[in-house]
Amino acid sequence: APPAAPPAATGSEPAAAVAGAALGGAVSAAAGGEAPAAKAPEPPAARDKVVVRLVASGSVSDFDSGKKAAIGGKIASAAGVRPEDVEVAVTAASVLLEVSVATAGEETEKVRTSLAARLPPPPPP
């Protein structure tokens, strides 16, 4: 079936408003006409984070994007989340790795428990 034609102007609304309606409000009115109000995008859902700090030997430069992606992938697998939910940051301090896992609601405790069962305990201070 051919695509539906945009609504026709009835004479009471500016052509830009009709075009804007056909394009989901993406066209603004010209020459004094008014376009439909653009709907504000929904804010992303609030996310919690489970943070894991690891100390590794070497220097910060040893942890290129490939190595950080590999670490993030292993943490994602251990946490039972998608790799894109894991962020690996590397800072100097011997080498301190901080891995954050984005979670929401009840998933937060599940991830925390899963990681605690699969990762070694942190060294004593």
Foldseek 3Di string as FASTA:
>chain_A
DDDDDQDDDPPPADPQQSVCVVVQNPGADPDPGGHPDHDDDDDDDDWDKDKDKDADADDQVVCDPVNQLVVLVVLCVLLVHDSVQKDWDWDDDSIIIMIIGIHDDPSVVSSVVSCPVVDDDHDDD
